[in-house]
N, C-alpha and C. Protein backbone atom coordinates (compact mmCIF):
# COMPACT_ATOMS: atom_id res chain seq x y z
N MET A 1 -53.35 20.96 -65.03
CA MET A 1 -52.98 20.56 -63.93
C MET A 1 -51.57 20.47 -63.81
N SER A 2 -51.33 20.97 -62.74
CA SER A 2 -49.39 21.03 -62.73
C SER A 2 -48.96 19.34 -62.38
N HIS A 3 -47.39 18.88 -62.68
CA HIS A 3 -46.78 18.03 -62.40
C HIS A 3 -46.83 17.57 -60.82
N PRO A 4 -47.05 16.73 -60.69
CA PRO A 4 -46.70 16.14 -58.96
C PRO A 4 -45.60 16.55 -58.74
N THR A 5 -44.30 16.92 -59.30
CA THR A 5 -43.08 16.93 -58.97
C THR A 5 -43.56 18.70 -58.60
N THR A 6 -44.25 19.41 -59.49
CA THR A 6 -44.48 21.01 -59.02
C THR A 6 -45.55 20.97 -58.06
N LEU A 7 -46.35 19.79 -57.77
CA LEU A 7 -47.24 20.29 -56.73
C LEU A 7 -46.55 19.99 -54.98
N ALA A 8 -45.62 19.38 -55.73
CA ALA A 8 -44.39 18.87 -54.01
C ALA A 8 -43.41 20.38 -53.67
N VAL A 9 -43.11 20.74 -54.99
CA VAL A 9 -42.07 21.77 -54.95
C VAL A 9 -42.80 23.00 -54.23
N LEU A 10 -43.93 23.56 -54.77
CA LEU A 10 -45.52 24.60 -54.56
C LEU A 10 -45.52 24.22 -52.97
N GLU A 11 -45.66 23.27 -52.56
CA GLU A 11 -46.12 22.78 -50.91
C GLU A 11 -44.81 22.87 -50.34
N LEU A 12 -43.63 22.36 -50.61
CA LEU A 12 -42.59 22.45 -49.58
C LEU A 12 -42.40 24.16 -49.81
N PHE A 13 -42.34 25.07 -50.36
CA PHE A 13 -42.09 26.21 -50.01
C PHE A 13 -42.85 26.99 -49.47
N ARG A 14 -44.72 26.73 -49.42
CA ARG A 14 -45.60 27.17 -48.58
C ARG A 14 -45.27 26.64 -47.26
N ARG A 15 -45.23 25.62 -47.06
CA ARG A 15 -44.56 24.98 -45.75
C ARG A 15 -43.39 25.64 -45.04
N ARG A 16 -42.28 25.82 -45.50
CA ARG A 16 -41.24 25.90 -45.24
C ARG A 16 -40.25 27.23 -45.61
N GLY A 17 -41.20 28.25 -46.68
CA GLY A 17 -40.42 29.13 -47.47
C GLY A 17 -40.11 30.31 -46.28
N ASN A 18 -40.89 29.96 -45.58
CA ASN A 18 -41.16 31.58 -44.94
C ASN A 18 -39.94 31.62 -43.90
N SER A 19 -39.64 30.26 -43.45
CA SER A 19 -38.21 30.90 -42.37
C SER A 19 -37.42 31.17 -43.03
N GLN A 20 -36.27 31.83 -42.05
CA GLN A 20 -35.20 32.46 -42.78
C GLN A 20 -33.93 32.12 -43.21
N TYR A 21 -33.76 32.59 -44.22
CA TYR A 21 -32.78 32.12 -45.03
C TYR A 21 -31.07 32.34 -44.28
N GLY A 22 -31.13 31.40 -43.01
CA GLY A 22 -29.75 31.05 -42.61
C GLY A 22 -29.69 32.97 -41.74
N ARG A 23 -28.50 33.17 -41.40
CA ARG A 23 -28.27 34.58 -40.93
C ARG A 23 -28.69 35.97 -41.99
N GLU A 24 -29.08 35.86 -43.38
CA GLU A 24 -29.52 36.48 -44.53
C GLU A 24 -30.81 37.26 -43.87
N ALA A 25 -31.19 38.82 -44.48
CA ALA A 25 -32.16 39.55 -44.20
C ALA A 25 -33.20 38.76 -44.68
N VAL A 26 -32.94 37.74 -45.63
CA VAL A 26 -34.23 37.51 -46.48
C VAL A 26 -34.83 35.92 -45.85
N THR A 27 -36.22 35.36 -46.54
CA THR A 27 -36.47 34.36 -46.26
C THR A 27 -35.87 33.31 -47.22
N GLN A 28 -36.27 31.93 -47.33
CA GLN A 28 -36.13 30.84 -47.93
C GLN A 28 -36.30 31.18 -49.20
N LEU A 29 -37.72 31.77 -49.51
CA LEU A 29 -39.05 31.86 -50.30
C LEU A 29 -38.28 33.10 -51.22
N GLU A 30 -37.72 34.02 -50.85
CA GLU A 30 -37.22 35.27 -51.30
C GLU A 30 -36.31 35.21 -51.86
N HIS A 31 -35.14 34.02 -51.25
CA HIS A 31 -33.94 34.14 -51.73
C HIS A 31 -34.23 33.47 -53.06
N ALA A 32 -35.15 32.34 -53.07
CA ALA A 32 -35.36 31.35 -54.01
C ALA A 32 -35.78 32.18 -55.14
N LEU A 33 -36.89 32.67 -55.01
CA LEU A 33 -37.58 33.57 -55.74
C LEU A 33 -36.34 34.72 -56.50
N GLN A 34 -35.40 35.43 -55.81
CA GLN A 34 -34.71 36.15 -56.45
C GLN A 34 -33.54 35.61 -57.47
N ALA A 35 -32.99 34.57 -57.06
CA ALA A 35 -32.27 33.51 -57.78
C ALA A 35 -33.08 33.15 -59.27
N ALA A 36 -34.08 32.81 -59.24
CA ALA A 36 -35.05 32.47 -60.11
C ALA A 36 -35.07 33.29 -61.02
N MET A 37 -36.05 34.65 -60.69
CA MET A 37 -35.63 35.59 -61.37
C MET A 37 -34.22 36.43 -61.95
N PHE A 38 -33.47 36.39 -61.44
CA PHE A 38 -32.20 36.52 -61.89
C PHE A 38 -31.99 35.51 -63.12
N ALA A 39 -32.10 34.55 -62.85
CA ALA A 39 -31.76 33.50 -64.54
C ALA A 39 -32.48 33.58 -65.11
N GLU A 40 -34.02 34.17 -65.05
CA GLU A 40 -35.17 34.31 -66.34
C GLU A 40 -34.54 35.33 -66.91
N ARG A 41 -34.45 36.41 -65.82
CA ARG A 41 -33.73 38.02 -66.72
C ARG A 41 -32.88 37.92 -67.67
N ASP A 42 -31.66 36.51 -67.11
CA ASP A 42 -30.60 36.52 -67.94
C ASP A 42 -30.51 35.71 -69.30
N GLY A 43 -31.85 35.41 -69.24
CA GLY A 43 -32.11 33.99 -70.49
C GLY A 43 -31.74 32.91 -70.64
N ALA A 44 -31.68 32.69 -68.96
CA ALA A 44 -31.84 31.09 -68.80
C ALA A 44 -32.33 29.94 -69.46
N ASP A 45 -32.31 28.59 -69.50
CA ASP A 45 -32.94 27.84 -70.06
C ASP A 45 -33.96 27.81 -69.36
N ALA A 46 -34.85 26.90 -68.94
CA ALA A 46 -35.94 26.23 -68.53
C ALA A 46 -35.25 25.36 -67.17
N SER A 47 -34.20 24.74 -67.46
CA SER A 47 -33.42 24.00 -66.48
C SER A 47 -33.12 24.63 -65.38
N LEU A 48 -32.41 25.65 -65.67
CA LEU A 48 -31.38 26.46 -65.02
C LEU A 48 -31.94 27.86 -64.31
N ILE A 49 -32.96 28.11 -64.78
CA ILE A 49 -34.09 28.83 -63.98
C ILE A 49 -34.46 27.70 -62.66
N THR A 50 -35.21 26.43 -63.04
CA THR A 50 -35.23 25.73 -62.11
C THR A 50 -34.40 25.34 -61.21
N ALA A 51 -33.32 25.17 -61.53
CA ALA A 51 -32.21 24.76 -60.66
C ALA A 51 -31.71 26.11 -59.62
N ALA A 52 -32.03 27.64 -60.17
CA ALA A 52 -31.88 28.51 -59.38
C ALA A 52 -32.98 28.80 -58.30
N LEU A 53 -34.00 28.07 -58.53
CA LEU A 53 -35.45 28.37 -57.62
C LEU A 53 -35.10 27.19 -56.53
N LEU A 54 -34.32 26.17 -57.29
CA LEU A 54 -34.32 24.88 -56.02
C LEU A 54 -32.92 24.80 -55.46
N HIS A 55 -32.08 25.42 -55.88
CA HIS A 55 -30.72 25.53 -55.28
C HIS A 55 -30.35 25.09 -53.46
N ASP A 56 -31.61 26.01 -53.02
CA ASP A 56 -30.96 25.76 -51.88
C ASP A 56 -32.18 24.91 -51.06
N VAL A 57 -32.87 23.98 -51.83
CA VAL A 57 -34.08 23.19 -51.20
C VAL A 57 -33.68 22.51 -49.98
N GLY A 58 -32.46 22.09 -49.98
CA GLY A 58 -31.71 20.85 -48.74
C GLY A 58 -32.08 22.04 -47.73
N HIS A 59 -31.97 22.68 -47.71
CA HIS A 59 -32.37 23.70 -46.40
C HIS A 59 -33.37 24.09 -46.28
N LEU A 60 -34.70 23.14 -46.72
CA LEU A 60 -36.05 23.17 -46.28
C LEU A 60 -36.24 21.75 -46.07
N LEU A 61 -35.26 20.37 -46.25
CA LEU A 61 -35.43 19.73 -45.83
C LEU A 61 -35.00 18.87 -44.29
N HIS A 62 -34.12 20.34 -43.69
CA HIS A 62 -33.71 19.63 -42.55
C HIS A 62 -34.15 20.42 -41.54
N ALA A 63 -34.02 20.19 -39.87
CA ALA A 63 -34.67 20.99 -39.08
C ALA A 63 -33.74 21.42 -38.13
N LEU A 64 -32.56 22.09 -39.07
CA LEU A 64 -31.11 22.60 -37.96
C LEU A 64 -31.57 24.02 -37.77
N PRO A 65 -31.00 24.47 -36.57
CA PRO A 65 -31.44 25.85 -36.73
C PRO A 65 -30.71 26.69 -37.44
N ASN A 66 -31.42 28.01 -37.56
CA ASN A 66 -30.85 28.82 -38.56
C ASN A 66 -29.19 29.07 -38.71
N ASP A 67 -28.52 29.21 -37.20
CA ASP A 67 -27.62 29.49 -37.11
C ASP A 67 -26.38 28.66 -36.75
N ALA A 68 -26.63 27.11 -37.40
CA ALA A 68 -26.17 26.19 -37.73
C ALA A 68 -24.90 26.53 -38.21
N PRO A 69 -24.32 27.21 -38.85
CA PRO A 69 -23.12 27.47 -39.46
C PRO A 69 -21.93 28.42 -38.43
N GLU A 70 -22.92 29.09 -37.77
CA GLU A 70 -22.27 29.73 -36.53
C GLU A 70 -22.01 28.84 -35.41
N GLN A 71 -22.26 27.57 -35.42
CA GLN A 71 -22.12 26.66 -34.19
C GLN A 71 -20.87 25.60 -35.05
N GLY A 72 -20.69 25.79 -36.26
CA GLY A 72 -19.63 25.16 -36.59
C GLY A 72 -20.38 23.72 -37.70
N ILE A 73 -21.51 24.06 -37.96
CA ILE A 73 -22.34 22.80 -38.74
C ILE A 73 -22.57 23.36 -40.09
N ASP A 74 -22.03 22.10 -41.03
CA ASP A 74 -22.28 22.49 -42.13
C ASP A 74 -23.46 21.60 -42.80
N ASP A 75 -24.49 21.97 -42.72
CA ASP A 75 -25.74 20.99 -43.52
C ASP A 75 -25.73 20.30 -44.56
N HIS A 76 -24.49 20.51 -45.32
CA HIS A 76 -24.86 19.69 -46.72
C HIS A 76 -25.66 19.86 -47.32
N HIS A 77 -26.37 21.29 -47.57
CA HIS A 77 -27.50 21.46 -48.32
C HIS A 77 -27.46 21.11 -49.58
N GLU A 78 -26.71 21.45 -50.77
CA GLU A 78 -26.50 21.25 -51.67
C GLU A 78 -26.57 19.39 -52.16
N THR A 79 -25.97 18.35 -51.03
CA THR A 79 -25.88 16.96 -51.15
C THR A 79 -27.22 16.38 -51.14
N ALA A 80 -28.03 17.21 -49.88
CA ALA A 80 -29.74 16.91 -49.46
C ALA A 80 -30.44 17.57 -50.76
N ALA A 81 -29.90 18.32 -51.46
CA ALA A 81 -30.81 19.00 -52.31
C ALA A 81 -30.78 17.78 -53.62
N ALA A 82 -29.11 17.98 -53.92
CA ALA A 82 -29.14 16.75 -55.28
C ALA A 82 -30.06 15.62 -55.01
N ILE A 83 -30.00 14.75 -53.44
CA ILE A 83 -30.71 13.54 -53.59
C ILE A 83 -32.02 13.69 -53.67
N TRP A 84 -32.57 15.02 -53.23
CA TRP A 84 -34.04 15.08 -53.36
C TRP A 84 -34.58 15.31 -54.96
N LEU A 85 -33.58 16.32 -55.65
CA LEU A 85 -34.07 16.44 -57.05
C LEU A 85 -33.79 15.38 -58.01
N ASN A 86 -32.83 14.60 -57.51
CA ASN A 86 -32.68 13.70 -58.41
C ASN A 86 -33.38 12.36 -58.68
N LYS A 87 -34.57 12.51 -57.83
CA LYS A 87 -35.80 11.65 -57.92
C LYS A 87 -36.99 12.35 -58.82
N ARG A 88 -36.55 13.58 -59.40
CA ARG A 88 -37.73 14.41 -59.45
C ARG A 88 -37.29 14.97 -61.17
N PHE A 89 -36.02 15.03 -60.96
CA PHE A 89 -35.90 15.96 -62.56
C PHE A 89 -34.51 15.21 -63.08
N GLY A 90 -33.87 15.54 -64.18
CA GLY A 90 -32.38 15.31 -64.70
C GLY A 90 -31.17 15.94 -64.08
N PRO A 91 -30.09 15.98 -64.97
CA PRO A 91 -28.91 16.28 -63.81
C PRO A 91 -29.10 17.31 -65.00
N ASP A 92 -29.47 18.65 -65.94
CA ASP A 92 -29.53 19.30 -66.06
C ASP A 92 -30.06 20.68 -65.17
N VAL A 93 -30.92 19.93 -64.29
CA VAL A 93 -31.39 20.91 -62.76
C VAL A 93 -30.45 20.50 -62.00
N VAL A 94 -30.01 18.96 -61.55
CA VAL A 94 -29.68 18.47 -60.06
C VAL A 94 -27.95 18.64 -60.45
N GLU A 95 -27.22 18.69 -61.41
CA GLU A 95 -26.21 18.81 -61.28
C GLU A 95 -25.66 20.63 -60.81
N PRO A 96 -26.11 21.43 -61.50
CA PRO A 96 -25.81 22.43 -60.89
C PRO A 96 -26.08 23.27 -59.56
N VAL A 97 -27.21 22.76 -59.06
CA VAL A 97 -27.39 22.56 -57.75
C VAL A 97 -26.59 21.42 -56.68
N ARG A 98 -26.02 20.93 -57.63
CA ARG A 98 -25.38 19.95 -56.61
C ARG A 98 -23.91 20.59 -56.62
N LEU A 99 -23.31 20.93 -57.83
CA LEU A 99 -22.47 21.96 -57.62
C LEU A 99 -22.19 23.52 -57.03
N HIS A 100 -23.29 24.10 -56.71
CA HIS A 100 -23.10 25.53 -56.48
C HIS A 100 -22.64 26.01 -55.31
N VAL A 101 -22.27 25.00 -54.23
CA VAL A 101 -21.16 25.22 -53.25
C VAL A 101 -19.64 25.20 -53.59
N ALA A 102 -19.25 24.04 -54.82
CA ALA A 102 -18.09 24.16 -54.89
C ALA A 102 -17.95 25.23 -55.84
N ALA A 103 -18.89 25.66 -56.66
CA ALA A 103 -18.44 26.71 -57.92
C ALA A 103 -18.38 28.44 -56.66
N LYS A 104 -18.93 28.11 -55.54
CA LYS A 104 -18.27 29.67 -54.43
C LYS A 104 -17.11 29.43 -54.34
N ARG A 105 -16.33 27.81 -53.87
CA ARG A 105 -15.24 27.71 -53.80
C ARG A 105 -14.54 28.00 -54.50
N TYR A 106 -15.12 27.34 -55.79
CA TYR A 106 -14.17 27.65 -57.37
C TYR A 106 -13.91 28.83 -57.58
N LEU A 107 -14.90 30.02 -57.06
CA LEU A 107 -14.88 31.45 -57.67
C LEU A 107 -13.66 32.03 -56.59
N CYS A 108 -14.02 31.61 -55.22
CA CYS A 108 -12.98 32.36 -54.48
C CYS A 108 -11.34 31.96 -55.03
N THR A 109 -11.34 30.45 -55.47
CA THR A 109 -9.86 30.18 -56.22
C THR A 109 -9.64 30.87 -56.64
N VAL A 110 -10.31 31.25 -58.00
CA VAL A 110 -9.65 31.56 -59.28
C VAL A 110 -10.13 33.03 -59.13
N GLU A 111 -10.70 33.79 -58.55
CA GLU A 111 -11.13 34.91 -58.58
C GLU A 111 -11.13 35.60 -57.48
N PRO A 112 -9.66 35.79 -56.58
CA PRO A 112 -9.66 36.05 -55.46
C PRO A 112 -10.85 37.41 -54.75
N GLU A 113 -10.67 38.09 -55.57
CA GLU A 113 -11.62 39.57 -55.48
C GLU A 113 -13.34 38.87 -54.99
N TYR A 114 -13.77 37.61 -55.42
CA TYR A 114 -15.03 37.29 -55.50
C TYR A 114 -15.28 36.78 -54.34
N ARG A 115 -14.47 37.19 -52.95
CA ARG A 115 -14.84 36.91 -51.84
C ARG A 115 -15.85 38.10 -50.99
N GLU A 116 -15.41 39.32 -51.79
CA GLU A 116 -16.09 40.43 -51.39
C GLU A 116 -17.58 40.69 -51.85
N VAL A 117 -17.73 39.76 -53.08
CA VAL A 117 -19.00 39.70 -53.02
C VAL A 117 -19.99 39.24 -51.78
N LEU A 118 -19.34 38.28 -51.00
CA LEU A 118 -19.95 37.22 -50.15
C LEU A 118 -20.60 38.19 -49.21
N SER A 119 -21.30 37.20 -48.65
CA SER A 119 -22.25 38.13 -47.32
C SER A 119 -21.46 37.73 -46.27
N GLY A 120 -21.34 37.94 -44.97
CA GLY A 120 -20.86 37.61 -43.74
C GLY A 120 -21.38 36.20 -43.68
N PRO A 121 -22.85 35.80 -43.86
CA PRO A 121 -22.98 34.31 -43.39
C PRO A 121 -22.12 33.03 -44.39
N SER A 122 -22.51 33.71 -45.61
CA SER A 122 -21.78 32.92 -46.68
C SER A 122 -20.25 32.92 -46.58
N LEU A 123 -19.22 33.66 -45.96
CA LEU A 123 -18.01 33.19 -45.86
C LEU A 123 -17.64 32.95 -44.35
N VAL A 124 -18.74 32.48 -43.60
CA VAL A 124 -18.69 31.86 -42.29
C VAL A 124 -19.07 29.95 -42.93
N SER A 125 -20.01 30.16 -44.04
CA SER A 125 -20.21 28.61 -44.61
C SER A 125 -19.17 28.27 -45.39
N LEU A 126 -18.78 29.15 -46.24
CA LEU A 126 -17.21 28.91 -46.82
C LEU A 126 -16.39 28.09 -46.14
N GLU A 127 -15.65 28.42 -45.13
CA GLU A 127 -15.10 27.79 -44.33
C GLU A 127 -15.07 26.55 -43.80
N LEU A 128 -16.92 26.19 -43.16
CA LEU A 128 -17.12 24.92 -42.96
C LEU A 128 -17.23 24.27 -44.28
N GLN A 129 -17.50 24.29 -45.50
CA GLN A 129 -17.56 24.09 -46.67
C GLN A 129 -16.25 23.13 -47.55
N GLY A 130 -14.85 24.19 -46.77
CA GLY A 130 -14.04 23.32 -47.16
C GLY A 130 -13.19 24.51 -47.34
N GLY A 131 -13.26 25.86 -47.79
CA GLY A 131 -12.62 26.93 -48.69
C GLY A 131 -12.42 27.03 -49.59
N LEU A 132 -11.01 27.24 -50.00
CA LEU A 132 -10.56 27.46 -51.41
C LEU A 132 -10.29 26.22 -51.75
N LEU A 133 -10.73 25.77 -53.15
CA LEU A 133 -10.10 24.53 -53.71
C LEU A 133 -8.59 23.95 -53.72
N SER A 134 -8.43 22.82 -53.67
CA SER A 134 -6.93 22.39 -53.96
C SER A 134 -6.88 22.33 -55.67
N ASP A 135 -5.87 22.16 -56.08
CA ASP A 135 -5.21 22.25 -57.42
C ASP A 135 -6.22 21.23 -58.31
N GLY A 136 -6.44 20.12 -57.26
CA GLY A 136 -7.27 18.66 -57.70
C GLY A 136 -8.49 18.96 -57.56
N GLU A 137 -9.15 19.64 -56.67
CA GLU A 137 -10.29 19.81 -56.98
C GLU A 137 -10.85 21.03 -57.86
N ARG A 138 -9.83 22.11 -57.89
CA ARG A 138 -10.26 22.77 -59.16
C ARG A 138 -10.48 21.95 -60.68
N GLU A 139 -9.90 21.22 -60.42
CA GLU A 139 -9.28 20.52 -61.99
C GLU A 139 -10.74 19.80 -62.19
N GLU A 140 -11.14 18.91 -61.07
CA GLU A 140 -12.16 18.19 -61.30
C GLU A 140 -13.26 19.30 -61.31
N PHE A 141 -13.54 20.39 -60.95
CA PHE A 141 -14.74 21.03 -60.67
C PHE A 141 -14.65 21.40 -62.59
N GLU A 142 -13.49 22.08 -63.04
CA GLU A 142 -13.85 22.71 -64.30
C GLU A 142 -13.62 21.48 -65.18
N SER A 143 -13.49 20.19 -64.99
CA SER A 143 -14.14 19.45 -66.15
C SER A 143 -15.46 18.89 -65.93
N SER A 144 -16.23 19.42 -65.25
CA SER A 144 -17.57 19.06 -65.36
C SER A 144 -18.01 19.53 -66.35
N VAL A 145 -19.41 18.50 -67.09
CA VAL A 145 -19.84 19.35 -68.07
C VAL A 145 -21.16 20.62 -67.13
N SER A 146 -21.12 20.61 -65.99
CA SER A 146 -22.10 21.38 -65.33
C SER A 146 -21.29 22.75 -64.69
N CYS A 147 -19.74 22.59 -65.15
CA CYS A 147 -19.47 23.69 -64.30
C CYS A 147 -19.95 25.25 -64.50
N ALA A 148 -19.53 25.36 -65.87
CA ALA A 148 -20.80 26.94 -66.15
C ALA A 148 -21.58 27.02 -65.77
N ALA A 149 -22.72 26.08 -65.54
CA ALA A 149 -24.20 25.93 -64.92
C ALA A 149 -24.12 26.44 -63.78
N ALA A 150 -23.10 26.11 -63.27
CA ALA A 150 -22.83 25.86 -61.32
C ALA A 150 -22.42 27.31 -61.01
N VAL A 151 -21.59 27.90 -62.12
CA VAL A 151 -20.94 29.24 -61.89
C VAL A 151 -22.16 30.53 -61.84
N LEU A 152 -22.99 30.01 -63.04
CA LEU A 152 -24.13 31.09 -63.27
C LEU A 152 -24.78 30.80 -61.99
N LEU A 153 -25.54 29.63 -61.49
CA LEU A 153 -26.06 29.72 -60.82
C LEU A 153 -25.63 30.54 -59.30
N ARG A 154 -24.21 30.09 -59.06
CA ARG A 154 -23.67 30.43 -58.13
C ARG A 154 -23.90 32.28 -57.86
N ARG A 155 -23.63 32.59 -59.25
CA ARG A 155 -23.72 34.40 -59.20
C ARG A 155 -24.73 34.55 -58.79
N TRP A 156 -25.85 33.83 -59.13
CA TRP A 156 -27.64 34.42 -59.07
C TRP A 156 -27.54 34.66 -57.37
N ASP A 157 -27.21 33.01 -56.93
CA ASP A 157 -27.37 32.79 -55.38
C ASP A 157 -27.05 33.99 -54.53
N ASP A 158 -25.51 34.30 -55.05
CA ASP A 158 -25.11 35.92 -54.33
C ASP A 158 -25.91 36.67 -54.35
N ALA A 159 -26.29 37.26 -55.36
CA ALA A 159 -27.16 38.04 -55.65
C ALA A 159 -28.22 38.02 -54.86
N ALA A 160 -28.78 36.92 -54.51
CA ALA A 160 -30.52 36.84 -54.66
C ALA A 160 -30.56 36.88 -52.86
N LYS A 161 -29.90 38.40 -52.24
CA LYS A 161 -29.99 38.42 -50.83
C LYS A 161 -30.65 39.89 -50.44
N VAL A 162 -31.45 40.26 -51.66
CA VAL A 162 -31.93 41.88 -51.53
C VAL A 162 -33.18 42.01 -50.71
N VAL A 163 -33.28 42.70 -49.69
CA VAL A 163 -34.38 43.08 -49.00
C VAL A 163 -35.16 43.81 -49.81
N GLY A 164 -36.59 43.13 -49.67
CA GLY A 164 -37.97 44.03 -50.22
C GLY A 164 -37.79 43.93 -51.95
N LEU A 165 -37.17 43.03 -52.31
CA LEU A 165 -37.14 43.42 -54.03
C LEU A 165 -38.19 42.30 -54.62
N ALA A 166 -38.83 43.19 -55.51
CA ALA A 166 -40.14 42.69 -55.75
C ALA A 166 -39.98 41.55 -57.04
N THR A 167 -40.16 40.40 -56.98
CA THR A 167 -39.88 39.42 -57.78
C THR A 167 -41.66 38.52 -58.20
N PRO A 168 -41.58 37.87 -59.23
CA PRO A 168 -42.88 37.33 -59.40
C PRO A 168 -43.02 36.42 -58.59
N PRO A 169 -44.05 36.07 -58.47
CA PRO A 169 -44.97 35.05 -57.57
C PRO A 169 -44.21 33.44 -57.68
N LEU A 170 -44.13 32.50 -56.92
CA LEU A 170 -43.70 31.21 -56.91
C LEU A 170 -44.30 30.68 -57.99
N GLU A 171 -45.90 30.78 -58.05
CA GLU A 171 -46.35 30.53 -59.18
C GLU A 171 -45.94 30.56 -60.62
N HIS A 172 -45.46 31.60 -60.76
CA HIS A 172 -44.42 32.40 -62.03
C HIS A 172 -43.88 31.33 -62.73
N PHE A 173 -42.90 30.67 -61.53
CA PHE A 173 -41.84 29.52 -61.89
C PHE A 173 -42.34 28.35 -61.93
N ALA A 174 -43.73 27.50 -61.68
CA ALA A 174 -44.31 26.46 -61.70
C ALA A 174 -44.18 26.14 -63.16
N GLN A 175 -44.05 26.91 -64.02
CA GLN A 175 -43.88 26.13 -65.89
C GLN A 175 -42.87 25.67 -65.93
N TYR A 176 -41.90 26.38 -65.28
CA TYR A 176 -40.13 26.03 -65.40
C TYR A 176 -40.53 24.71 -65.07
N VAL A 177 -40.68 24.30 -63.61
CA VAL A 177 -40.72 23.24 -62.85
C VAL A 177 -41.39 22.00 -63.48
N ASP A 178 -42.65 22.43 -63.96
CA ASP A 178 -43.50 21.41 -64.63
C ASP A 178 -42.67 20.99 -65.94
N GLY A 179 -42.28 22.24 -67.07
CA GLY A 179 -41.27 21.80 -67.94
C GLY A 179 -39.97 20.61 -67.71
N CYS A 180 -39.44 20.89 -66.20
CA CYS A 180 -38.12 19.86 -66.44
C CYS A 180 -38.48 18.63 -65.60
N ALA A 181 -39.74 18.65 -64.94
CA ALA A 181 -39.90 17.50 -64.06
C ALA A 181 -39.97 16.52 -64.87
N ARG A 182 -39.54 15.08 -63.92
CA ARG A 182 -39.54 13.38 -64.41
C ARG A 182 -40.86 13.47 -64.72
């Protein structure tokens, strides 16, 4: 029998996962599965695979339209996700998720060519999320114990937008969620 948290995650994705991932050409579930698959492929530990799977769970918790960023609305999904996840997981899952937007801003600041990796919708949200980091924000991000994990998560996040990419099913990743759930 799966942990109650795992059951809640599975149910959330079953209910809301088929919604479009913003203006990307994949669904929320496809995006989550691709990110988790990339984390697993790269040998990440269970907590980071779980974080990769759940990094955008905040998008599943609100009722804003898919084009909210084009309307100038930042849904602060990383904050909503961190609040939801904090009740269910420890900081090794929560913090990379909380910081994955800051990691995008960080990578654009320290690797200017990184912007070329970002999709059109991700560039729109980058501006809503604050654009490049100030020197103080950069130093704060770099001082976080979860900085490296957030950067890894961000790279998987940006790669996880491939139409038709075969992934393991959601149930495959339940083992990681089970192992990390409080």
